[in-house]
Amino acid sequence: MVIRSGLRAIVFPLALYAFSGGVTAYFIWHADNGDRGLKAKAIYKDKIQALAAQLADLQTQRAAIELKINQFQTQSVDRDLLEEAARADLGVAHRNELVVMLPQVPTSPKNN
């Protein structure tokens, strides 16, 4: 009887410590590697920085496009901008301009 009681006094606390250590390890692992863990937080921060840089680039492009649109919409149209747009649409050049024709490279369809 005494041996059983001594064995129970040792095994029960060891089992309790092992169980609580396992549960603690489970939560610590998920806090580091889980979907909302520390590693995921670092990945999300990198994505946020990349998207913020892309947003800044798109905002500058939008500002440039809005400036061109506003130049066309005012009462006095910028003649140089209008002439440039008309030449691009019509495909014509002024008689004093030098036009360099580049040979076109034939494109072959890609085989899938």
PDB file of N, CA and C in Angstrom:
ATOM      1  N   MET A   1       0.798  -1.197   0.000  1.00  0.00           N
ATOM      2  CA  MET A   1       0.000   0.000   0.000  1.00  0.00           C
ATOM      3  C   MET A   1       0.844   1.266   0.000  1.00  0.00           C
ATOM      4  N   VAL A   2       1.849   1.259   0.729  1.00  0.00           N
ATOM      5  CA  VAL A   2       2.690   2.442   0.832  1.00  0.00           C
ATOM      6  C   VAL A   2       3.382   2.710  -0.510  1.00  0.00           C
ATOM      7  N   ILE A   3       3.764   1.663  -1.213  1.00  0.00           N
ATOM      8  CA  ILE A   3       4.421   1.834  -2.496  1.00  0.00           C
ATOM      9  C   ILE A   3       3.457   2.449  -3.505  1.00  0.00           C
ATOM     10  N   ARG A   4       2.205   1.970  -3.500  1.00  0.00           N
ATOM     11  CA  ARG A   4       1.207   2.529  -4.409  1.00  0.00           C
ATOM     12  C   ARG A   4       0.931   3.990  -4.111  1.00  0.00           C
ATOM     13  N   SER A   5       0.845   4.326  -2.923  1.00  0.00           N
ATOM     14  CA  SER A   5       0.582   5.708  -2.531  1.00  0.00           C
ATOM     15  C   SER A   5       1.753   6.598  -2.938  1.00  0.00           C
ATOM     16  N   GLY A   6       2.970   6.134  -2.761  1.00  0.00           N
ATOM     17  CA  GLY A   6       4.147   6.909  -3.155  1.00  0.00           C
ATOM     18  C   GLY A   6       4.244   7.049  -4.665  1.00  0.00           C
ATOM     19  N   LEU A   7       3.876   5.960  -5.392  1.00  0.00           N
ATOM     20  CA  LEU A   7       3.893   6.007  -6.843  1.00  0.00           C
ATOM     21  C   LEU A   7       2.843   6.984  -7.370  1.00  0.00           C
ATOM     22  N   ARG A   8       1.660   6.951  -6.749  1.00  0.00           N
ATOM     23  CA  ARG A   8       0.593   7.867  -7.140  1.00  0.00           C
ATOM     24  C   ARG A   8       0.993   9.310  -6.848  1.00  0.00           C
ATOM     25  N   ALA A   9       1.710   9.547  -5.801  1.00  0.00           N
ATOM     26  CA  ALA A   9       2.139  10.904  -5.448  1.00  0.00           C
ATOM     27  C   ALA A   9       3.157  11.434  -6.462  1.00  0.00           C
ATOM     28  N   ILE A  10       3.849  10.563  -7.156  1.00  0.00           N
ATOM     29  CA  ILE A  10       4.830  10.994  -8.142  1.00  0.00           C
ATOM     30  C   ILE A  10       4.211  11.058  -9.541  1.00  0.00           C
ATOM     31  N   VAL A  11       3.429  10.055  -9.934  1.00  0.00           N
ATOM     32  CA  VAL A  11       2.897   9.961 -11.287  1.00  0.00           C
ATOM     33  C   VAL A  11       1.828  11.017 -11.544  1.00  0.00           C
ATOM     34  N   PHE A  12       0.933  11.250 -10.614  1.00  0.00           N
ATOM     35  CA  PHE A  12      -0.160  12.210 -10.820  1.00  0.00           C
ATOM     36  C   PHE A  12       0.363  13.627 -11.071  1.00  0.00           C
ATOM     37  N   PRO A  13       1.267  14.165 -10.273  1.00  0.00           N
ATOM     38  CA  PRO A  13       1.796  15.503 -10.586  1.00  0.00           C
ATOM     39  C   PRO A  13       2.567  15.546 -11.907  1.00  0.00           C
ATOM     40  N   LEU A  14       3.333  14.450 -12.208  1.00  0.00           N
ATOM     41  CA  LEU A  14       4.058  14.431 -13.479  1.00  0.00           C
ATOM     42  C   LEU A  14       3.090  14.456 -14.657  1.00  0.00           C
ATOM     43  N   ALA A  15       2.012  13.700 -14.594  1.00  0.00           N
ATOM     44  CA  ALA A  15       1.015  13.698 -15.663  1.00  0.00           C
ATOM     45  C   ALA A  15       0.357  15.070 -15.785  1.00  0.00           C
ATOM     46  N   LEU A  16       0.060  15.690 -14.666  1.00  0.00           N
ATOM     47  CA  LEU A  16      -0.552  17.023 -14.677  1.00  0.00           C
ATOM     48  C   LEU A  16       0.395  18.050 -15.294  1.00  0.00           C
ATOM     49  N   TYR A  17       1.674  18.000 -14.933  1.00  0.00           N
ATOM     50  CA  TYR A  17       2.653  18.919 -15.509  1.00  0.00           C
ATOM     51  C   TYR A  17       2.842  18.657 -17.005  1.00  0.00           C
ATOM     52  N   ALA A  18       2.861  17.413 -17.408  1.00  0.00           N
ATOM     53  CA  ALA A  18       3.013  17.078 -18.827  1.00  0.00           C
ATOM     54  C   ALA A  18       1.811  17.580 -19.625  1.00  0.00           C
ATOM     55  N   PHE A  19       0.622  17.401 -19.101  1.00  0.00           N
ATOM     56  CA  PHE A  19      -0.587  17.869 -19.789  1.00  0.00           C
ATOM     57  C   PHE A  19      -0.592  19.394 -19.889  1.00  0.00           C
ATOM     58  N   SER A  20      -0.307  20.073 -18.795  1.00  0.00           N
ATOM     59  CA  SER A  20      -0.320  21.546 -18.824  1.00  0.00           C
ATOM     60  C   SER A  20       0.807  22.076 -19.714  1.00  0.00           C
ATOM     61  N   GLY A  21       1.952  21.401 -19.733  1.00  0.00           N
ATOM     62  CA  GLY A  21       3.043  21.810 -20.624  1.00  0.00           C
ATOM     63  C   GLY A  21       2.663  21.617 -22.082  1.00  0.00           C
ATOM     64  N   GLY A  22       1.957  20.542 -22.394  1.00  0.00           N
ATOM     65  CA  GLY A  22       1.499  20.304 -23.767  1.00  0.00           C
ATOM     66  C   GLY A  22       0.497  21.354 -24.219  1.00  0.00           C
ATOM     67  N   VAL A  23      -0.430  21.691 -23.348  1.00  0.00           N
ATOM     68  CA  VAL A  23      -1.421  22.718 -23.684  1.00  0.00           C
ATOM     69  C   VAL A  23      -0.733  24.067 -23.879  1.00  0.00           C
ATOM     70  N   THR A  24       0.211  24.376 -23.014  1.00  0.00           N
ATOM     71  CA  THR A  24       0.946  25.639 -23.139  1.00  0.00           C
ATOM     72  C   THR A  24       1.748  25.671 -24.435  1.00  0.00           C
ATOM     73  N   ALA A  25       2.417  24.568 -24.764  1.00  0.00           N
ATOM     74  CA  ALA A  25       3.190  24.498 -26.003  1.00  0.00           C
ATOM     75  C   ALA A  25       2.281  24.661 -27.222  1.00  0.00           C
ATOM     76  N   TYR A  26       1.087  24.078 -27.173  1.00  0.00           N
ATOM     77  CA  TYR A  26       0.124  24.198 -28.274  1.00  0.00           C
ATOM     78  C   TYR A  26      -0.243  25.659 -28.515  1.00  0.00           C
ATOM     79  N   PHE A  27      -0.562  26.387 -27.446  1.00  0.00           N
ATOM     80  CA  PHE A  27      -0.953  27.787 -27.597  1.00  0.00           C
ATOM     81  C   PHE A  27       0.225  28.672 -28.008  1.00  0.00           C
ATOM     82  N   ILE A  28       1.403  28.373 -27.511  1.00  0.00           N
ATOM     83  CA  ILE A  28       2.573  29.165 -27.899  1.00  0.00           C
ATOM     84  C   ILE A  28       2.900  28.944 -29.374  1.00  0.00           C
ATOM     85  N   TRP A  29       2.817  27.701 -29.836  1.00  0.00           N
ATOM     86  CA  TRP A  29       3.098  27.413 -31.240  1.00  0.00           C
ATOM     87  C   TRP A  29       2.112  28.144 -32.153  1.00  0.00           C
ATOM     88  N   HIS A  30       0.834  28.120 -31.790  1.00  0.00           N
ATOM     89  CA  HIS A  30      -0.165  28.805 -32.614  1.00  0.00           C
ATOM     90  C   HIS A  30      -0.048  30.324 -32.529  1.00  0.00           C
ATOM     91  N   ALA A  31       0.415  30.829 -31.407  1.00  0.00           N
ATOM     92  CA  ALA A  31       0.625  32.278 -31.297  1.00  0.00           C
ATOM     93  C   ALA A  31       1.757  32.730 -32.212  1.00  0.00           C
ATOM     94  N   ASP A  32       2.694  31.847 -32.488  1.00  0.00           N
ATOM     95  CA  ASP A  32       3.812  32.193 -33.361  1.00  0.00           C
ATOM     96  C   ASP A  32       3.526  31.853 -34.822  1.00  0.00           C
ATOM     97  N   ASN A  33       2.967  30.684 -35.093  1.00  0.00           N
ATOM     98  CA  ASN A  33       2.823  30.190 -36.457  1.00  0.00           C
ATOM     99  C   ASN A  33       1.396  30.167 -36.979  1.00  0.00           C
ATOM    100  N   GLY A  34       0.426  30.533 -36.225  1.00  0.00           N
ATOM    101  CA  GLY A  34      -0.969  30.424 -36.641  1.00  0.00           C
ATOM    102  C   GLY A  34      -1.370  31.465 -37.672  1.00  0.00           C
ATOM    103  N   ASP A  35      -2.633  31.427 -38.071  1.00  0.00           N
ATOM    104  CA  ASP A  35      -3.152  32.358 -39.079  1.00  0.00           C
ATOM    105  C   ASP A  35      -3.072  33.809 -38.622  1.00  0.00           C
ATOM    106  N   ARG A  36      -3.147  34.041 -37.343  1.00  0.00           N
ATOM    107  CA  ARG A  36      -3.055  35.398 -36.802  1.00  0.00           C
ATOM    108  C   ARG A  36      -1.855  35.533 -35.876  1.00  0.00           C
ATOM    109  N   GLY A  37      -0.839  34.744 -36.109  1.00  0.00           N
ATOM    110  CA  GLY A  37       0.349  34.727 -35.262  1.00  0.00           C
ATOM    111  C   GLY A  37       1.343  35.809 -35.631  1.00  0.00           C
ATOM    112  N   LEU A  38       2.511  35.714 -35.011  1.00  0.00           N
ATOM    113  CA  LEU A  38       3.540  36.732 -35.209  1.00  0.00           C
ATOM    114  C   LEU A  38       4.129  36.682 -36.617  1.00  0.00           C
ATOM    115  N   LYS A  39       4.308  35.500 -37.172  1.00  0.00           N
ATOM    116  CA  LYS A  39       4.841  35.404 -38.531  1.00  0.00           C
ATOM    117  C   LYS A  39       3.848  35.940 -39.551  1.00  0.00           C
ATOM    118  N   ALA A  40       2.575  35.661 -39.350  1.00  0.00           N
ATOM    119  CA  ALA A  40       1.554  36.188 -40.257  1.00  0.00           C
ATOM    120  C   ALA A  40       1.495  37.711 -40.159  1.00  0.00           C
ATOM    121  N   LYS A  41       1.706  38.249 -38.972  1.00  0.00           N
ATOM    122  CA  LYS A  41       1.696  39.702 -38.796  1.00  0.00           C
ATOM    123  C   LYS A  41       2.820  40.350 -39.601  1.00  0.00           C
ATOM    124  N   ALA A  42       4.001  39.731 -39.598  1.00  0.00           N
ATOM    125  CA  ALA A  42       5.127  40.264 -40.377  1.00  0.00           C
ATOM    126  C   ALA A  42       4.830  40.197 -41.877  1.00  0.00           C
ATOM    127  N   ILE A  43       4.205  39.109 -42.313  1.00  0.00           N
ATOM    128  CA  ILE A  43       3.858  38.979 -43.730  1.00  0.00           C
ATOM    129  C   ILE A  43       2.834  40.039 -44.121  1.00  0.00           C
ATOM    130  N   TYR A  44       1.851  40.267 -43.265  1.00  0.00           N
ATOM    131  CA  TYR A  44       0.834  41.285 -43.556  1.00  0.00           C
ATOM    132  C   TYR A  44       1.439  42.686 -43.590  1.00  0.00           C
ATOM    133  N   LYS A  45       2.416  42.960 -42.725  1.00  0.00           N
ATOM    134  CA  LYS A  45       3.071  44.274 -42.745  1.00  0.00           C
ATOM    135  C   LYS A  45       3.815  44.484 -44.060  1.00  0.00           C
ATOM    136  N   ASP A  46       4.486  43.435 -44.550  1.00  0.00           N
ATOM    137  CA  ASP A  46       5.188  43.547 -45.836  1.00  0.00           C
ATOM    138  C   ASP A  46       4.193  43.794 -46.972  1.00  0.00           C
ATOM    139  N   LYS A  47       3.068  43.091 -46.937  1.00  0.00           N
ATOM    140  CA  LYS A  47       2.050  43.294 -47.979  1.00  0.00           C
ATOM    141  C   LYS A  47       1.487  44.704 -47.921  1.00  0.00           C
ATOM    142  N   ILE A  48       1.279  45.210 -46.722  1.00  0.00           N
ATOM    143  CA  ILE A  48       0.739  46.564 -46.560  1.00  0.00           C
ATOM    144  C   ILE A  48       1.722  47.589 -47.130  1.00  0.00           C
ATOM    145  N   GLN A  49       3.016  47.411 -46.886  1.00  0.00           N
ATOM    146  CA  GLN A  49       4.013  48.343 -47.414  1.00  0.00           C
ATOM    147  C   GLN A  49       4.055  48.290 -48.936  1.00  0.00           C
ATOM    148  N   ALA A  50       3.974  47.093 -49.503  1.00  0.00           N
ATOM    149  CA  ALA A  50       3.991  46.966 -50.968  1.00  0.00           C
ATOM    150  C   ALA A  50       2.753  47.605 -51.577  1.00  0.00           C
ATOM    151  N   LEU A  51       1.609  47.384 -50.963  1.00  0.00           N
ATOM    152  CA  LEU A  51       0.376  47.972 -51.489  1.00  0.00           C
ATOM    153  C   LEU A  51       0.344  49.484 -51.304  1.00  0.00           C
ATOM    154  N   ALA A  52       0.944  49.982 -50.231  1.00  0.00           N
ATOM    155  CA  ALA A  52       1.010  51.432 -50.026  1.00  0.00           C
ATOM    156  C   ALA A  52       1.890  52.081 -51.097  1.00  0.00           C
ATOM    157  N   ALA A  53       2.986  51.424 -51.448  1.00  0.00           N
ATOM    158  CA  ALA A  53       3.847  51.957 -52.513  1.00  0.00           C
ATOM    159  C   ALA A  53       3.114  51.925 -53.849  1.00  0.00           C
ATOM    160  N   GLN A  54       2.384  50.867 -54.098  1.00  0.00           N
ATOM    161  CA  GLN A  54       1.607  50.768 -55.338  1.00  0.00           C
ATOM    162  C   GLN A  54       0.515  51.837 -55.368  1.00  0.00           C
ATOM    163  N   LEU A  55      -0.110  52.092 -54.227  1.00  0.00           N
ATOM    164  CA  LEU A  55      -1.144  53.124 -54.154  1.00  0.00           C
ATOM    165  C   LEU A  55      -0.566  54.501 -54.440  1.00  0.00           C
ATOM    166  N   ALA A  56       0.607  54.793 -53.895  1.00  0.00           N
ATOM    167  CA  ALA A  56       1.243  56.095 -54.147  1.00  0.00           C
ATOM    168  C   ALA A  56       1.566  56.257 -55.631  1.00  0.00           C
ATOM    169  N   ASP A  57       2.046  55.194 -56.259  1.00  0.00           N
ATOM    170  CA  ASP A  57       2.342  55.245 -57.693  1.00  0.00           C
ATOM    171  C   ASP A  57       1.070  55.479 -58.501  1.00  0.00           C
ATOM    172  N   LEU A  58       0.008  54.781 -58.149  1.00  0.00           N
ATOM    173  CA  LEU A  58      -1.251  54.961 -58.873  1.00  0.00           C
ATOM    174  C   LEU A  58      -1.843  56.351 -58.656  1.00  0.00           C
ATOM    175  N   GLN A  59      -1.648  56.912 -57.477  1.00  0.00           N
ATOM    176  CA  GLN A  59      -2.149  58.263 -57.227  1.00  0.00           C
ATOM    177  C   GLN A  59      -1.407  59.298 -58.061  1.00  0.00           C
ATOM    178  N   THR A  60      -0.097  59.115 -58.243  1.00  0.00           N
ATOM    179  CA  THR A  60       0.636  60.064 -59.087  1.00  0.00           C
ATOM    180  C   THR A  60       0.218  59.918 -60.550  1.00  0.00           C
ATOM    181  N   GLN A  61      -0.031  58.674 -60.997  1.00  0.00           N
ATOM    182  CA  GLN A  61      -0.516  58.472 -62.362  1.00  0.00           C
ATOM    183  C   GLN A  61      -1.890  59.102 -62.547  1.00  0.00           C
ATOM    184  N   ARG A  62      -2.740  58.964 -61.546  1.00  0.00           N
ATOM    185  CA  ARG A  62      -4.078  59.543 -61.638  1.00  0.00           C
ATOM    186  C   ARG A  62      -4.004  61.068 -61.688  1.00  0.00           C
ATOM    187  N   ALA A  63      -3.119  61.645 -60.893  1.00  0.00           N
ATOM    188  CA  ALA A  63      -2.974  63.107 -60.903  1.00  0.00           C
ATOM    189  C   ALA A  63      -2.524  63.590 -62.276  1.00  0.00           C
ATOM    190  N   ALA A  64      -1.602  62.854 -62.905  1.00  0.00           N
ATOM    191  CA  ALA A  64      -1.131  63.249 -64.240  1.00  0.00           C
ATOM    192  C   ALA A  64      -2.261  63.139 -65.258  1.00  0.00           C
ATOM    193  N   ILE A  65      -3.048  62.094 -65.183  1.00  0.00           N
ATOM    194  CA  ILE A  65      -4.166  61.917 -66.116  1.00  0.00           C
ATOM    195  C   ILE A  65      -5.227  62.987 -65.882  1.00  0.00           C
ATOM    196  N   GLU A  66      -5.513  63.288 -64.621  1.00  0.00           N
ATOM    197  CA  GLU A  66      -6.505  64.330 -64.330  1.00  0.00           C
ATOM    198  C   GLU A  66      -6.032  65.690 -64.830  1.00  0.00           C
ATOM    199  N   LEU A  67      -4.733  65.955 -64.759  1.00  0.00           N
ATOM    200  CA  LEU A  67      -4.196  67.213 -65.272  1.00  0.00           C
ATOM    201  C   LEU A  67      -4.398  67.306 -66.780  1.00  0.00           C
ATOM    202  N   LYS A  68      -4.150  66.207 -67.499  1.00  0.00           N
ATOM    203  CA  LYS A  68      -4.376  66.208 -68.951  1.00  0.00           C
ATOM    204  C   LYS A  68      -5.853  66.411 -69.270  1.00  0.00           C
ATOM    205  N   ILE A  69      -6.710  65.748 -68.519  1.00  0.00           N
ATOM    206  CA  ILE A  69      -8.151  65.888 -68.753  1.00  0.00           C
ATOM    207  C   ILE A  69      -8.597  67.318 -68.493  1.00  0.00           C
ATOM    208  N   ASN A  70      -8.093  67.922 -67.423  1.00  0.00           N
ATOM    209  CA  ASN A  70      -8.466  69.303 -67.114  1.00  0.00           C
ATOM    210  C   ASN A  70      -7.966  70.274 -68.177  1.00  0.00           C
ATOM    211  N   GLN A  71      -6.830  69.975 -68.801  1.00  0.00           N
ATOM    212  CA  GLN A  71      -6.339  70.844 -69.865  1.00  0.00           C
ATOM    213  C   GLN A  71      -7.244  70.780 -71.089  1.00  0.00           C
ATOM    214  N   PHE A  72      -7.853  69.647 -71.346  1.00  0.00           N
ATOM    215  CA  PHE A  72      -8.792  69.527 -72.462  1.00  0.00           C
ATOM    216  C   PHE A  72     -10.157  70.140 -72.133  1.00  0.00           C
ATOM    217  N   GLN A  73     -10.536  70.198 -70.865  1.00  0.00           N
ATOM    218  CA  GLN A  73     -11.876  70.623 -70.506  1.00  0.00           C
ATOM    219  C   GLN A  73     -12.015  72.115 -70.245  1.00  0.00           C
ATOM    220  N   THR A  74     -10.942  72.833 -70.151  1.00  0.00           N
ATOM    221  CA  THR A  74     -11.060  74.263 -69.885  1.00  0.00           C
ATOM    222  C   THR A  74     -11.554  75.001 -71.121  1.00  0.00           C
ATOM    223  N   GLN A  75     -11.897  76.281 -70.963  1.00  0.00           N
ATOM    224  CA  GLN A  75     -12.407  77.081 -72.071  1.00  0.00           C
ATOM    225  C   GLN A  75     -11.321  77.311 -73.131  1.00  0.00           C
ATOM    226  N   SER A  76     -10.092  77.506 -72.687  1.00  0.00           N
ATOM    227  CA  SER A  76      -8.999  77.684 -73.643  1.00  0.00           C
ATOM    228  C   SER A  76      -8.160  76.401 -73.656  1.00  0.00           C
ATOM    229  N   VAL A  77      -8.237  75.675 -74.753  1.00  0.00           N
ATOM    230  CA  VAL A  77      -7.544  74.409 -74.874  1.00  0.00           C
ATOM    231  C   VAL A  77      -6.079  74.666 -75.217  1.00  0.00           C
ATOM    232  N   ASP A  78      -5.187  73.912 -74.611  1.00  0.00           N
ATOM    233  CA  ASP A  78      -3.772  74.019 -74.916  1.00  0.00           C
ATOM    234  C   ASP A  78      -3.552  73.511 -76.333  1.00  0.00           C
ATOM    235  N   ARG A  79      -3.072  74.384 -77.227  1.00  0.00           N
ATOM    236  CA  ARG A  79      -2.955  74.025 -78.647  1.00  0.00           C
ATOM    237  C   ARG A  79      -1.930  72.922 -78.882  1.00  0.00           C
ATOM    238  N   ASP A  80      -0.846  72.950 -78.143  1.00  0.00           N
ATOM    239  CA  ASP A  80       0.175  71.914 -78.327  1.00  0.00           C
ATOM    240  C   ASP A  80      -0.371  70.538 -77.940  1.00  0.00           C
ATOM    241  N   LEU A  81      -1.101  70.482 -76.855  1.00  0.00           N
ATOM    242  CA  LEU A  81      -1.667  69.215 -76.415  1.00  0.00           C
ATOM    243  C   LEU A  81      -2.731  68.725 -77.394  1.00  0.00           C
ATOM    244  N   LEU A  82      -3.527  69.641 -77.904  1.00  0.00           N
ATOM    245  CA  LEU A  82      -4.551  69.271 -78.877  1.00  0.00           C
ATOM    246  C   LEU A  82      -3.914  68.773 -80.175  1.00  0.00           C
ATOM    247  N   GLU A  83      -2.873  69.447 -80.616  1.00  0.00           N
ATOM    248  CA  GLU A  83      -2.187  69.035 -81.841  1.00  0.00           C
ATOM    249  C   GLU A  83      -1.523  67.668 -81.666  1.00  0.00           C
ATOM    250  N   GLU A  84      -0.929  67.446 -80.518  1.00  0.00           N
ATOM    251  CA  GLU A  84      -0.294  66.151 -80.241  1.00  0.00           C
ATOM    252  C   GLU A  84      -1.331  65.026 -80.246  1.00  0.00           C
ATOM    253  N   ALA A  85      -2.475  65.248 -79.643  1.00  0.00           N
ATOM    254  CA  ALA A  85      -3.517  64.229 -79.609  1.00  0.00           C
ATOM    255  C   ALA A  85      -4.092  63.977 -81.004  1.00  0.00           C
ATOM    256  N   ALA A  86      -4.282  65.048 -81.792  1.00  0.00           N
ATOM    257  CA  ALA A  86      -4.820  64.889 -83.145  1.00  0.00           C
ATOM    258  C   ALA A  86      -3.841  64.134 -84.036  1.00  0.00           C
ATOM    259  N   ARG A  87      -2.566  64.433 -83.926  1.00  0.00           N
ATOM    260  CA  ARG A  87      -1.572  63.722 -84.740  1.00  0.00           C
ATOM    261  C   ARG A  87      -1.495  62.248 -84.359  1.00  0.00           C
ATOM    262  N   ALA A  88      -1.591  61.970 -83.078  1.00  0.00           N
ATOM    263  CA  ALA A  88      -1.537  60.564 -82.642  1.00  0.00           C
ATOM    264  C   ALA A  88      -2.757  59.803 -83.153  1.00  0.00           C
ATOM    265  N   ASP A  89      -3.921  60.446 -83.142  1.00  0.00           N
ATOM    266  CA  ASP A  89      -5.137  59.770 -83.609  1.00  0.00           C
ATOM    267  C   ASP A  89      -5.158  59.612 -85.126  1.00  0.00           C
ATOM    268  N   LEU A  90      -4.723  60.637 -85.843  1.00  0.00           N
ATOM    269  CA  LEU A  90      -4.781  60.604 -87.298  1.00  0.00           C
ATOM    270  C   LEU A  90      -3.566  59.946 -87.941  1.00  0.00           C
ATOM    271  N   GLY A  91      -2.469  59.903 -87.221  1.00  0.00           N
ATOM    272  CA  GLY A  91      -1.262  59.303 -87.765  1.00  0.00           C
ATOM    273  C   GLY A  91      -0.576  60.170 -88.792  1.00  0.00           C
ATOM    274  N   VAL A  92      -0.584  61.470 -88.600  1.00  0.00           N
ATOM    275  CA  VAL A  92       0.058  62.386 -89.545  1.00  0.00           C
ATOM    276  C   VAL A  92       1.198  63.116 -88.840  1.00  0.00           C
ATOM    277  N   ALA A  93       2.083  63.702 -89.655  1.00  0.00           N
ATOM    278  CA  ALA A  93       3.212  64.456 -89.123  1.00  0.00           C
ATOM    279  C   ALA A  93       3.276  65.809 -89.815  1.00  0.00           C
ATOM    280  N   HIS A  94       3.900  66.759 -89.176  1.00  0.00           N
ATOM    281  CA  HIS A  94       4.097  68.086 -89.739  1.00  0.00           C
ATOM    282  C   HIS A  94       5.186  68.000 -90.801  1.00  0.00           C
ATOM    283  N   ARG A  95       5.164  68.913 -91.764  1.00  0.00           N
ATOM    284  CA  ARG A  95       6.115  68.815 -92.883  1.00  0.00           C
ATOM    285  C   ARG A  95       7.548  69.058 -92.436  1.00  0.00           C
ATOM    286  N   ASN A  96       7.780  69.712 -91.319  1.00  0.00           N
ATOM    287  CA  ASN A  96       9.141  69.979 -90.849  1.00  0.00           C
ATOM    288  C   ASN A  96       9.636  68.915 -89.865  1.00  0.00           C
ATOM    289  N   GLU A  97       8.854  67.932 -89.579  1.00  0.00           N
ATOM    290  CA  GLU A  97       9.257  66.903 -88.623  1.00  0.00           C
ATOM    291  C   GLU A  97       9.952  65.756 -89.331  1.00  0.00           C
ATOM    292  N   LEU A  98      10.866  65.124 -88.624  1.00  0.00           N
ATOM    293  CA  LEU A  98      11.578  63.966 -89.135  1.00  0.00           C
ATOM    294  C   LEU A  98      10.932  62.718 -88.550  1.00  0.00           C
ATOM    295  N   VAL A  99      10.509  61.801 -89.416  1.00  0.00           N
ATOM    296  CA  VAL A  99       9.844  60.583 -88.976  1.00  0.00           C
ATOM    297  C   VAL A  99      10.762  59.412 -89.277  1.00  0.00           C
ATOM    298  N   VAL A 100      11.033  58.609 -88.273  1.00  0.00           N
ATOM    299  CA  VAL A 100      11.885  57.434 -88.440  1.00  0.00           C
ATOM    300  C   VAL A 100      10.990  56.208 -88.372  1.00  0.00           C
ATOM    301  N   MET A 101      10.975  55.432 -89.441  1.00  0.00           N
ATOM    302  CA  MET A 101      10.151  54.225 -89.502  1.00  0.00           C
ATOM    303  C   MET A 101      11.003  53.036 -89.080  1.00  0.00           C
ATOM    304  N   LEU A 102      10.559  52.319 -88.097  1.00  0.00           N
ATOM    305  CA  LEU A 102      11.259  51.136 -87.624  1.00  0.00           C
ATOM    306  C   LEU A 102      10.606  49.903 -88.216  1.00  0.00           C
ATOM    307  N   PRO A 103      11.400  48.907 -88.589  1.00  0.00           N
ATOM    308  CA  PRO A 103      10.791  47.688 -89.145  1.00  0.00           C
ATOM    309  C   PRO A 103      10.013  46.953 -88.055  1.00  0.00           C
ATOM    310  N   GLN A 104       8.868  46.415 -88.428  1.00  0.00           N
ATOM    311  CA  GLN A 104       8.051  45.679 -87.477  1.00  0.00           C
ATOM    312  C   GLN A 104       8.537  44.249 -87.425  1.00  0.00           C
ATOM    313  N   VAL A 105       8.597  43.728 -86.206  1.00  0.00           N
ATOM    314  CA  VAL A 105       9.022  42.348 -86.010  1.00  0.00           C
ATOM    315  C   VAL A 105       7.773  41.466 -86.111  1.00  0.00           C
ATOM    316  N   PRO A 106       7.794  40.473 -87.007  1.00  0.00           N
ATOM    317  CA  PRO A 106       6.594  39.622 -87.117  1.00  0.00           C
ATOM    318  C   PRO A 106       6.410  38.806 -85.845  1.00  0.00           C
ATOM    319  N   THR A 107       5.185  38.738 -85.415  1.00  0.00           N
ATOM    320  CA  THR A 107       4.877  37.966 -84.214  1.00  0.00           C
ATOM    321  C   THR A 107       4.300  36.633 -84.615  1.00  0.00           C
ATOM    322  N   SER A 108       4.802  35.597 -84.017  1.00  0.00           N
ATOM    323  CA  SER A 108       4.278  34.269 -84.323  1.00  0.00           C
ATOM    324  C   SER A 108       3.404  33.816 -83.165  1.00  0.00           C
ATOM    325  N   PRO A 109       2.289  33.151 -83.467  1.00  0.00           N
ATOM    326  CA  PRO A 109       1.411  32.698 -82.379  1.00  0.00           C
ATOM    327  C   PRO A 109       2.117  31.635 -81.555  1.00  0.00           C
ATOM    328  N   LYS A 110       1.918  31.708 -80.264  1.00  0.00           N
ATOM    329  CA  LYS A 110       2.539  30.746 -79.364  1.00  0.00           C
ATOM    330  C   LYS A 110       1.735  29.455 -79.364  1.00  0.00           C
ATOM    331  N   ASN A 111       2.435  28.354 -79.403  1.00  0.00           N
ATOM    332  CA  ASN A 111       1.771  27.055 -79.356  1.00  0.00           C
ATOM    333  C   ASN A 111       1.596  26.640 -77.902  1.00  0.00           C
ATOM    334  N   ASN A 112       0.386  26.265 -77.567  1.00  0.00           N
ATOM    335  CA  ASN A 112       0.118  25.842 -76.186  1.00  0.00           C
ATOM    336  C   ASN A 112       0.190  24.358 -76.066  1.00  0.00           C
TER     337      ASN A 112
END
